[in-house]
Every structure is written in structure tokens, then in C-alpha cells.
Amino acid sequence: MGLFGSIMEKLGFGAAAAQASTPLQAAAPTSAAAPAAKPAAPAPAAVSAVDVVGKLEGLAAKHAEKLNWKTSIVDLMKLLSLDSSLTARKQMATELGCPADKMGDSAQMNMWLHKTVLQKLAANGGNIPKELLH
């Protein structure tokens, strides 16, 4: 699992949410090629809304440091007890497809990474306010 997967897991998205693009199977024709072992996934419906803001604000309130997860990818990763080193951030930026021109400038990469992480969380059912999606 990549670092973004770790963020999703820590926020309660679970493995099913990472694959939420799979729709529920509707009356598919029965065939031997499609065993009935996989369709036990009503999870995408259950994961429709994850209270990302509530979880992060709750963690921030208990954290010893004052972390600004709303603007800083480093603080967001620290809040989730993830490695926030430059190496880890570069790894996640590569995982998420950061443009090469931003990879050479850590500040540009960090801003892109923060925006992209929040957008991807929202796309997977997280309640991210529009003002945080830039």
C-alpha cells in the first residue's frame, strides 16, 4: 500500500473505499466464469461520507504540537503519525503523479501534494470543504 493508501486507512476509508469505483453488481447473468465470492461488497455505499475534517480536527486537538493540516502536507502527515520526511513526500508525490517541474522544488511539490491529497480524499467520499480544495 502506498502512502496515500495509508492516509485513507488512518482516516477510516478502509480498503473498500480505495476501490470505491467498483459499482455494485446488478443482476449479472449467471455464468461459471463469475463466481459469487466477490460481490460481498456493499462497502462503497457504506463509505459514502467519511468525516475527514472531524477526524483531523479531533486529532489536532489532542496533539502536543499545533499542526496546521489545512495548509501543510507535512502537518497533515504528522497528525496521522506518518513519515513526513522529504523522501516520504517525494514518494507520495510520485505515487500520485506530481508533474516533474514541481518535483524539483519542495515548496511547489508540497503545495501540489496537499491539494491533490485533499482532492483525492474528497473524490473517495471524504467531506472536504470547497475552500480547502483550492
N, C-alpha and C. Protein backbone atom coordinates (compact mmCIF):
# COMPACT_ATOMS: atom_id res chain seq x y z
N MET A 1 0.85 -1.17 0.00
CA MET A 1 0.00 0.00 0.00
C MET A 1 0.89 1.23 0.00
N GLY A 2 0.52 2.22 -0.80
CA GLY A 2 1.28 3.45 -0.87
C GLY A 2 0.94 4.37 0.28
N LEU A 3 1.62 5.49 0.33
CA LEU A 3 1.38 6.46 1.41
C LEU A 3 -0.02 7.03 1.36
N PHE A 4 -0.55 7.28 0.16
CA PHE A 4 -1.91 7.80 0.09
C PHE A 4 -2.89 6.76 0.65
N GLY A 5 -2.65 5.50 0.38
CA GLY A 5 -3.48 4.43 0.94
C GLY A 5 -3.42 4.44 2.46
N SER A 6 -2.25 4.73 3.01
CA SER A 6 -2.10 4.81 4.47
C SER A 6 -2.91 5.97 5.03
N ILE A 7 -2.93 7.10 4.31
CA ILE A 7 -3.72 8.25 4.75
C ILE A 7 -5.20 7.87 4.77
N MET A 8 -5.65 7.22 3.70
CA MET A 8 -7.06 6.82 3.63
C MET A 8 -7.41 5.86 4.75
N GLU A 9 -6.53 4.91 5.01
CA GLU A 9 -6.78 3.92 6.06
C GLU A 9 -6.87 4.60 7.43
N LYS A 10 -5.93 5.52 7.70
CA LYS A 10 -5.93 6.20 9.01
C LYS A 10 -7.16 7.07 9.20
N LEU A 11 -7.74 7.53 8.11
CA LEU A 11 -8.93 8.37 8.20
C LEU A 11 -10.22 7.56 8.18
N GLY A 12 -10.09 6.24 8.08
CA GLY A 12 -11.26 5.39 8.17
C GLY A 12 -11.92 5.05 6.85
N PHE A 13 -11.21 5.26 5.74
CA PHE A 13 -11.79 4.92 4.45
C PHE A 13 -11.80 3.41 4.25
N GLY A 14 -10.81 2.70 4.75
CA GLY A 14 -10.76 1.25 4.60
C GLY A 14 -10.37 0.86 3.19
N ALA A 15 -10.08 -0.41 2.99
CA ALA A 15 -9.65 -0.93 1.69
C ALA A 15 -10.75 -0.82 0.65
N ALA A 16 -12.00 -0.98 1.05
CA ALA A 16 -13.10 -0.94 0.09
C ALA A 16 -13.24 0.45 -0.53
N ALA A 17 -12.95 1.48 0.25
CA ALA A 17 -13.10 2.83 -0.27
C ALA A 17 -12.05 3.16 -1.31
N ALA A 18 -10.87 2.58 -1.18
CA ALA A 18 -9.83 2.82 -2.16
C ALA A 18 -10.23 2.28 -3.52
N GLN A 19 -11.15 1.35 -3.51
CA GLN A 19 -11.62 0.77 -4.76
C GLN A 19 -13.10 1.10 -4.95
N ALA A 20 -13.55 2.22 -4.46
CA ALA A 20 -14.97 2.59 -4.48
C ALA A 20 -15.50 2.80 -5.89
N SER A 21 -14.62 2.75 -6.88
CA SER A 21 -15.08 2.94 -8.24
C SER A 21 -15.80 1.71 -8.76
N THR A 22 -15.74 0.60 -8.05
CA THR A 22 -16.43 -0.61 -8.47
C THR A 22 -17.89 -0.52 -8.06
N PRO A 23 -18.82 -0.43 -9.04
CA PRO A 23 -20.23 -0.36 -8.69
C PRO A 23 -20.75 -1.69 -8.19
N LEU A 24 -21.84 -1.64 -7.46
CA LEU A 24 -22.46 -2.88 -7.02
C LEU A 24 -22.93 -3.64 -8.25
N GLN A 25 -22.77 -4.95 -8.23
CA GLN A 25 -23.16 -5.75 -9.37
C GLN A 25 -24.67 -5.88 -9.41
N ALA A 26 -25.25 -5.50 -10.51
CA ALA A 26 -26.69 -5.60 -10.68
C ALA A 26 -27.01 -6.79 -11.55
N ALA A 27 -27.88 -7.63 -11.11
CA ALA A 27 -28.39 -8.80 -11.83
C ALA A 27 -27.54 -9.22 -13.02
N ALA A 28 -26.34 -9.60 -12.76
CA ALA A 28 -25.45 -10.07 -13.83
C ALA A 28 -25.88 -11.46 -14.23
N PRO A 29 -25.71 -11.78 -15.51
CA PRO A 29 -26.07 -13.13 -15.93
C PRO A 29 -25.21 -14.15 -15.21
N THR A 30 -25.80 -15.25 -14.83
CA THR A 30 -25.05 -16.27 -14.12
C THR A 30 -24.20 -17.03 -15.10
N SER A 31 -22.93 -17.18 -14.73
CA SER A 31 -22.02 -17.96 -15.56
C SER A 31 -20.97 -18.57 -14.66
N ALA A 32 -20.37 -19.60 -15.12
CA ALA A 32 -19.34 -20.28 -14.33
C ALA A 32 -18.11 -19.40 -14.19
N ALA A 33 -17.90 -18.46 -15.09
CA ALA A 33 -16.72 -17.61 -15.07
C ALA A 33 -16.82 -16.52 -13.99
N ALA A 34 -17.99 -16.29 -13.47
CA ALA A 34 -18.16 -15.24 -12.47
C ALA A 34 -18.64 -15.85 -11.15
N PRO A 35 -17.71 -16.35 -10.31
CA PRO A 35 -18.12 -16.92 -9.04
C PRO A 35 -18.70 -15.85 -8.12
N ALA A 36 -19.56 -16.26 -7.22
CA ALA A 36 -20.25 -15.32 -6.34
C ALA A 36 -19.43 -14.97 -5.11
N ALA A 37 -18.12 -15.15 -5.14
CA ALA A 37 -17.30 -14.86 -3.97
C ALA A 37 -17.03 -13.37 -3.81
N LYS A 38 -16.87 -12.61 -4.88
CA LYS A 38 -16.52 -11.21 -4.82
C LYS A 38 -17.66 -10.26 -4.47
N PRO A 39 -18.91 -10.48 -4.90
CA PRO A 39 -19.94 -9.47 -4.71
C PRO A 39 -20.28 -9.11 -3.27
N ALA A 40 -19.56 -9.58 -2.30
CA ALA A 40 -19.84 -9.22 -0.90
C ALA A 40 -19.30 -7.84 -0.60
N ALA A 41 -19.58 -6.86 -1.48
CA ALA A 41 -19.03 -5.53 -1.30
C ALA A 41 -20.09 -4.43 -1.32
N PRO A 42 -20.98 -4.41 -0.35
CA PRO A 42 -21.84 -3.25 -0.26
C PRO A 42 -21.09 -2.10 0.41
N ALA A 43 -19.77 -2.24 0.53
CA ALA A 43 -18.95 -1.23 1.18
C ALA A 43 -18.97 0.12 0.49
N PRO A 44 -18.94 0.22 -0.86
CA PRO A 44 -18.95 1.56 -1.43
C PRO A 44 -20.13 2.40 -0.97
N ALA A 45 -21.28 1.82 -0.77
CA ALA A 45 -22.42 2.58 -0.28
C ALA A 45 -22.20 3.00 1.17
N ALA A 46 -21.56 2.14 1.95
CA ALA A 46 -21.33 2.43 3.36
C ALA A 46 -20.26 3.49 3.55
N VAL A 47 -19.39 3.68 2.57
CA VAL A 47 -18.29 4.61 2.70
C VAL A 47 -18.61 5.94 2.03
N SER A 48 -19.85 6.22 1.81
CA SER A 48 -20.22 7.39 1.04
C SER A 48 -19.72 8.70 1.66
N ALA A 49 -19.58 8.77 2.96
CA ALA A 49 -19.11 10.01 3.56
C ALA A 49 -18.22 9.70 4.76
N VAL A 50 -16.98 10.13 4.68
CA VAL A 50 -16.06 9.98 5.79
C VAL A 50 -15.83 11.39 6.33
N ASP A 51 -15.99 11.56 7.63
CA ASP A 51 -15.83 12.86 8.26
C ASP A 51 -14.35 13.18 8.44
N VAL A 52 -13.69 13.51 7.33
CA VAL A 52 -12.26 13.80 7.34
C VAL A 52 -11.96 14.99 8.24
N VAL A 53 -12.70 16.06 8.08
CA VAL A 53 -12.46 17.27 8.87
C VAL A 53 -12.62 16.98 10.36
N GLY A 54 -13.70 16.30 10.72
CA GLY A 54 -13.94 15.97 12.12
C GLY A 54 -12.82 15.13 12.71
N LYS A 55 -12.37 14.12 11.95
CA LYS A 55 -11.30 13.26 12.44
C LYS A 55 -10.00 14.03 12.60
N LEU A 56 -9.65 14.85 11.61
CA LEU A 56 -8.40 15.60 11.68
C LEU A 56 -8.45 16.66 12.78
N GLU A 57 -9.58 17.33 12.93
CA GLU A 57 -9.68 18.33 14.00
C GLU A 57 -9.62 17.66 15.37
N GLY A 58 -10.20 16.48 15.49
CA GLY A 58 -10.13 15.74 16.75
C GLY A 58 -8.69 15.35 17.08
N LEU A 59 -7.97 14.87 16.08
CA LEU A 59 -6.56 14.51 16.28
C LEU A 59 -5.73 15.75 16.62
N ALA A 60 -5.99 16.85 15.94
CA ALA A 60 -5.24 18.09 16.16
C ALA A 60 -5.45 18.61 17.58
N ALA A 61 -6.67 18.47 18.09
CA ALA A 61 -6.97 18.95 19.44
C ALA A 61 -6.18 18.18 20.49
N LYS A 62 -5.88 16.92 20.21
CA LYS A 62 -5.16 16.07 21.18
C LYS A 62 -3.65 16.09 20.97
N HIS A 63 -3.20 16.63 19.86
CA HIS A 63 -1.78 16.57 19.52
C HIS A 63 -0.99 17.60 20.31
N ALA A 64 0.21 17.22 20.72
CA ALA A 64 1.07 18.11 21.52
C ALA A 64 1.48 19.36 20.74
N GLU A 65 1.78 19.20 19.44
CA GLU A 65 2.18 20.32 18.60
C GLU A 65 0.93 20.96 17.99
N LYS A 66 1.03 22.25 17.69
CA LYS A 66 -0.05 22.91 16.96
C LYS A 66 0.24 22.69 15.48
N LEU A 67 -0.56 21.83 14.86
CA LEU A 67 -0.34 21.48 13.46
C LEU A 67 -1.43 22.06 12.58
N ASN A 68 -1.02 22.64 11.45
CA ASN A 68 -1.97 23.24 10.53
C ASN A 68 -2.18 22.31 9.34
N TRP A 69 -2.98 21.27 9.51
CA TRP A 69 -3.22 20.28 8.46
C TRP A 69 -3.99 20.85 7.29
N LYS A 70 -4.66 22.00 7.49
CA LYS A 70 -5.46 22.58 6.41
C LYS A 70 -4.62 23.20 5.31
N THR A 71 -3.36 23.49 5.60
CA THR A 71 -2.50 24.10 4.58
C THR A 71 -1.18 23.36 4.38
N SER A 72 -0.80 22.48 5.28
CA SER A 72 0.52 21.85 5.23
C SER A 72 0.42 20.33 5.10
N ILE A 73 1.02 19.80 4.05
CA ILE A 73 1.05 18.34 3.88
C ILE A 73 1.91 17.70 4.97
N VAL A 74 2.97 18.40 5.39
CA VAL A 74 3.82 17.88 6.46
C VAL A 74 3.02 17.74 7.75
N ASP A 75 2.26 18.77 8.10
CA ASP A 75 1.45 18.72 9.31
C ASP A 75 0.35 17.67 9.20
N LEU A 76 -0.24 17.54 8.03
CA LEU A 76 -1.27 16.52 7.82
C LEU A 76 -0.70 15.13 8.06
N MET A 77 0.48 14.88 7.52
CA MET A 77 1.11 13.56 7.69
C MET A 77 1.53 13.34 9.14
N LYS A 78 2.06 14.37 9.79
CA LYS A 78 2.43 14.26 11.21
C LYS A 78 1.22 13.93 12.06
N LEU A 79 0.12 14.60 11.78
CA LEU A 79 -1.11 14.41 12.53
C LEU A 79 -1.60 12.97 12.44
N LEU A 80 -1.35 12.33 11.30
CA LEU A 80 -1.75 10.94 11.10
C LEU A 80 -0.65 9.95 11.49
N SER A 81 0.40 10.46 12.13
CA SER A 81 1.54 9.64 12.57
C SER A 81 2.19 8.90 11.40
N LEU A 82 2.34 9.61 10.28
CA LEU A 82 3.01 9.06 9.11
C LEU A 82 4.35 9.76 8.92
N ASP A 83 5.24 9.11 8.24
CA ASP A 83 6.55 9.69 7.93
C ASP A 83 6.32 10.91 7.04
N SER A 84 6.76 12.08 7.50
CA SER A 84 6.56 13.31 6.73
C SER A 84 7.88 13.83 6.15
N SER A 85 8.88 12.98 6.11
CA SER A 85 10.19 13.39 5.58
C SER A 85 10.07 13.75 4.10
N LEU A 86 11.06 14.47 3.61
CA LEU A 86 11.08 14.85 2.20
C LEU A 86 11.05 13.60 1.32
N THR A 87 11.77 12.57 1.72
CA THR A 87 11.79 11.32 0.96
C THR A 87 10.39 10.72 0.88
N ALA A 88 9.68 10.68 1.99
CA ALA A 88 8.32 10.12 2.00
C ALA A 88 7.39 10.97 1.16
N ARG A 89 7.53 12.29 1.24
CA ARG A 89 6.66 13.17 0.46
C ARG A 89 6.94 13.03 -1.03
N LYS A 90 8.22 12.89 -1.38
CA LYS A 90 8.57 12.68 -2.80
C LYS A 90 7.99 11.36 -3.29
N GLN A 91 8.04 10.35 -2.44
CA GLN A 91 7.49 9.05 -2.79
C GLN A 91 5.98 9.17 -3.05
N MET A 92 5.28 9.87 -2.17
CA MET A 92 3.83 10.02 -2.35
C MET A 92 3.53 10.89 -3.57
N ALA A 93 4.33 11.93 -3.80
CA ALA A 93 4.12 12.79 -4.97
C ALA A 93 4.28 11.97 -6.25
N THR A 94 5.26 11.09 -6.28
CA THR A 94 5.45 10.21 -7.43
C THR A 94 4.26 9.28 -7.58
N GLU A 95 3.82 8.71 -6.47
CA GLU A 95 2.67 7.80 -6.44
C GLU A 95 1.42 8.47 -7.01
N LEU A 96 1.24 9.76 -6.71
CA LEU A 96 0.03 10.48 -7.12
C LEU A 96 0.18 11.21 -8.46
N GLY A 97 1.37 11.11 -9.07
CA GLY A 97 1.57 11.69 -10.40
C GLY A 97 1.91 13.16 -10.43
N CYS A 98 2.70 13.61 -9.48
CA CYS A 98 3.11 15.01 -9.44
C CYS A 98 3.90 15.36 -10.71
N PRO A 99 3.60 16.51 -11.33
CA PRO A 99 4.36 16.93 -12.52
C PRO A 99 5.85 17.09 -12.20
N ALA A 100 6.69 16.73 -13.14
CA ALA A 100 8.14 16.76 -12.94
C ALA A 100 8.64 18.15 -12.55
N ASP A 101 8.06 19.23 -13.12
CA ASP A 101 8.53 20.57 -12.80
C ASP A 101 8.30 20.94 -11.35
N LYS A 102 7.33 20.33 -10.69
CA LYS A 102 7.07 20.61 -9.28
C LYS A 102 7.93 19.73 -8.37
N MET A 103 8.36 18.58 -8.86
CA MET A 103 9.17 17.66 -8.05
C MET A 103 10.53 18.26 -7.67
N GLY A 104 11.05 19.14 -8.49
CA GLY A 104 12.36 19.73 -8.22
C GLY A 104 12.34 20.83 -7.18
N ASP A 105 11.17 21.34 -6.83
CA ASP A 105 11.04 22.43 -5.87
C ASP A 105 10.14 21.92 -4.74
N SER A 106 10.71 21.68 -3.57
CA SER A 106 9.95 21.05 -2.49
C SER A 106 8.72 21.86 -2.08
N ALA A 107 8.82 23.19 -2.12
CA ALA A 107 7.65 24.01 -1.75
C ALA A 107 6.52 23.81 -2.76
N GLN A 108 6.86 23.84 -4.04
CA GLN A 108 5.85 23.62 -5.09
C GLN A 108 5.26 22.21 -4.98
N MET A 109 6.12 21.23 -4.74
CA MET A 109 5.67 19.85 -4.61
C MET A 109 4.73 19.71 -3.41
N ASN A 110 5.11 20.33 -2.29
CA ASN A 110 4.28 20.25 -1.09
C ASN A 110 2.89 20.85 -1.31
N MET A 111 2.84 22.00 -1.98
CA MET A 111 1.54 22.62 -2.24
C MET A 111 0.70 21.73 -3.17
N TRP A 112 1.33 21.20 -4.21
CA TRP A 112 0.62 20.31 -5.13
C TRP A 112 0.14 19.07 -4.39
N LEU A 113 1.00 18.52 -3.56
CA LEU A 113 0.68 17.29 -2.84
C LEU A 113 -0.48 17.50 -1.88
N HIS A 114 -0.48 18.59 -1.13
CA HIS A 114 -1.55 18.88 -0.18
C HIS A 114 -2.88 18.99 -0.91
N LYS A 115 -2.90 19.77 -1.98
CA LYS A 115 -4.12 19.97 -2.77
C LYS A 115 -4.61 18.64 -3.35
N THR A 116 -3.70 17.86 -3.89
CA THR A 116 -4.06 16.60 -4.53
C THR A 116 -4.58 15.59 -3.51
N VAL A 117 -3.95 15.50 -2.35
CA VAL A 117 -4.40 14.57 -1.31
C VAL A 117 -5.83 14.92 -0.89
N LEU A 118 -6.10 16.21 -0.64
CA LEU A 118 -7.44 16.61 -0.24
C LEU A 118 -8.45 16.34 -1.35
N GLN A 119 -8.08 16.60 -2.59
CA GLN A 119 -8.98 16.34 -3.72
C GLN A 119 -9.29 14.85 -3.84
N LYS A 120 -8.27 14.01 -3.68
CA LYS A 120 -8.47 12.57 -3.78
C LYS A 120 -9.30 12.04 -2.61
N LEU A 121 -9.13 12.60 -1.43
CA LEU A 121 -9.96 12.21 -0.30
C LEU A 121 -11.42 12.57 -0.58
N ALA A 122 -11.64 13.77 -1.13
CA ALA A 122 -13.00 14.19 -1.47
C ALA A 122 -13.59 13.28 -2.55
N ALA A 123 -12.78 12.92 -3.54
CA ALA A 123 -13.25 12.07 -4.63
C ALA A 123 -13.62 10.67 -4.14
N ASN A 124 -13.06 10.27 -3.01
CA ASN A 124 -13.34 8.95 -2.45
C ASN A 124 -14.39 9.00 -1.33
N GLY A 125 -15.08 10.12 -1.21
CA GLY A 125 -16.17 10.19 -0.23
C GLY A 125 -15.85 10.97 1.02
N GLY A 126 -14.72 11.65 1.07
CA GLY A 126 -14.39 12.45 2.24
C GLY A 126 -15.08 13.80 2.19
N ASN A 127 -15.49 14.31 3.34
CA ASN A 127 -16.17 15.61 3.39
C ASN A 127 -15.14 16.73 3.51
N ILE A 128 -14.58 17.11 2.41
CA ILE A 128 -13.58 18.19 2.38
C ILE A 128 -14.29 19.46 1.93
N PRO A 129 -14.27 20.53 2.76
CA PRO A 129 -14.90 21.79 2.35
C PRO A 129 -14.24 22.35 1.08
N LYS A 130 -15.04 22.97 0.25
CA LYS A 130 -14.55 23.51 -1.03
C LYS A 130 -13.39 24.48 -0.86
N GLU A 131 -13.40 25.25 0.22
CA GLU A 131 -12.32 26.22 0.41
C GLU A 131 -10.96 25.54 0.64
N LEU A 132 -10.95 24.28 1.05
CA LEU A 132 -9.70 23.57 1.24
C LEU A 132 -9.24 22.88 -0.04
N LEU A 133 -10.09 22.82 -1.03
CA LEU A 133 -9.74 22.16 -2.29
C LEU A 133 -9.08 23.12 -3.27
N HIS A 134 -8.87 24.37 -2.86
CA HIS A 134 -8.19 25.43 -3.63
C HIS A 134 -8.92 25.66 -4.91
